[in-house]
């Protein structure tokens, strides 16, 4: 251009054009020089960030956040720098030598390396600063402190059970459930800074996967500590009842601990770290918890598929009450759409257990009515095992009256919230007599069925007097159980009065059936005493002694277990018999000698108080020893 400008042949227009071209070329040169300087500066900054990232790769045994806050801050600043440089590359043109592509590739590579390192740091911090729950949330122990039966249960089929049934609860049950820190609070800012860096770099998915896997592993470890086992439906259905009952108690305890303590704490941890990223927190929490919830709910579903055996009712009601109590907790934990599947399964399980419990309860009366009646009467006329079983059974059921009233109500379970409904009904039950509730109606029906069964069993005794002793014993036992428990609130004073009257009626009927014929031997039958000969008086004494000895021999073997009832009948019997015998002896004492009277009045009174003790005796041997 300088050579052309000096040429004498150039026109003015050409010179102007050359001048403009010279200015343009100078501008291009300046731009090129500036871009070269910019690339140089970017490369310098990238190299500095690379050195920071690479320095920790050569020390992979040393964790960044363990080294101190300055080191962690510098590392995060390097990541921020790399992110900024990548964003700046988009504003630069691609040079002919591919410098732009080279730097972008280097930046992406080092960012990927840094993200991988942050994943390792995330896992390390979660594991290092993990906190274990308090001891009361770590171990399960059974205790019989809640309700302990004072008599042995037997099945409806009258198969004896060696140990008394107990409605066991875990000793560390408490209403004081609270959210805890599953990770030490000082680590939360570290985790949030890692999350922020990874999400800003579009590595949010990788963060979530590492976070979820680590927290799921922590939850699995805790389940092992709690003793949670994996049972298939077949395992549960085939399990022996004693073992299954224990597993149900453990399940009830674990459900409360997992939902109210662990998962509530896990949800808070997710929110502390990921709340600023929208629905990510809910997604991570669901992924962490859904496998555990499925495992626990599957056990409940297997129970709901089982048979309707009477002894299972208490465990079914326990499980239902646990779920009803946790219903609001579940709805709060999984309130987002992503957690709807857990909510639905939880509600369905509660409905299934409630229906099974209701059906089992309603069929209990039928089980009593259709139970096998032995062809042999119950020895001694005492309290039949079925009576003990039924009364202890319904006595325990009163502890579940609110739940049973709800289940027996005509309203559909799915149309209401049991957690709120059961709470609301408390005030109603306090205001009105419980006898108006469905539970009371069915309990009365059960005792009515029991009485019918006892009446049928009483007819197995050939001795009418023993029939009355048997019914007296069993009805008295029923009255005792009602009077000494919450059953009284369901049955009422009128029921109690009616059945006390029945006990007295059977006592009177016993005396009439046993002693009418015996005492008739002492009566004169409207004949004057002087019309009897001495031999006749001797014969009447002998006949009475034989009859009394027969009664003594058989009825000492009869049983009236309740001391007060036994003594009451002995006193009543003694009053009638002794009065008649004393009158008879006084009337004949002038006609025969004392040696012809085998038993004195005192002897007779003493022997009457041997009756109903359940140990057969022979009066003949007692008389010989006395002589």
Foldseek 3Di string as FASTA:
>chain_A
DVVVCPDPPDDPVRNVVVVVVVVVVVVVVVVVVVVVVVLVVLVVLLVVLLCLLVVCVVVVVDQQVVVDDVSLVVNLVSLVSLLVSLVVLVVDDQDPVRSSVVSNVSSVVSNVSSLVSLLVNLLVQLVVQFDDDDPLLQEWDKDQVPDWDPDAAAFLLRHGDDGRDGPIATPSDDPPFDEDARGPPVCLVVLQSSCVSCVSVVNNVVNLVSVLVSLLVVVVVSCVSLVDDFDALVRQQPDDPVVNLVVLNSLLSNVCSCLRYVLVNQLVSLCSRCVVVPCSSLVSSCSSCVVVLVRSLNSLVSVLPYDLGLVCLSSLLSVLVSLLQCLVSLCVSQVDPVSVVSNVSSLVSSLSSLVSSLVSLLCPLVSNLPHDADLAADWQLAARSSLSNLLVSVLVCVVSLLSNLVSPDPDRPVVDRSNVVSVVCVVVPVVDQLQPTPSLVSSVSSVVSNLVSLLVSLVSDPQLLSSLSNSLNSLVVNLVSCVVGCVCSSCDPVNSVVSVVSSVVSLVVNLCSQCVVLLVLLDPVPDDPVVDALVSLLVSLVSSVVSLQVCLQPQLQHARPDPVSLVVSLVVNLVVVLVSVVVSCVVCPVRDPPVSRQDDSVRSSVSSSSGRHNDGDGVVVVSVVVD
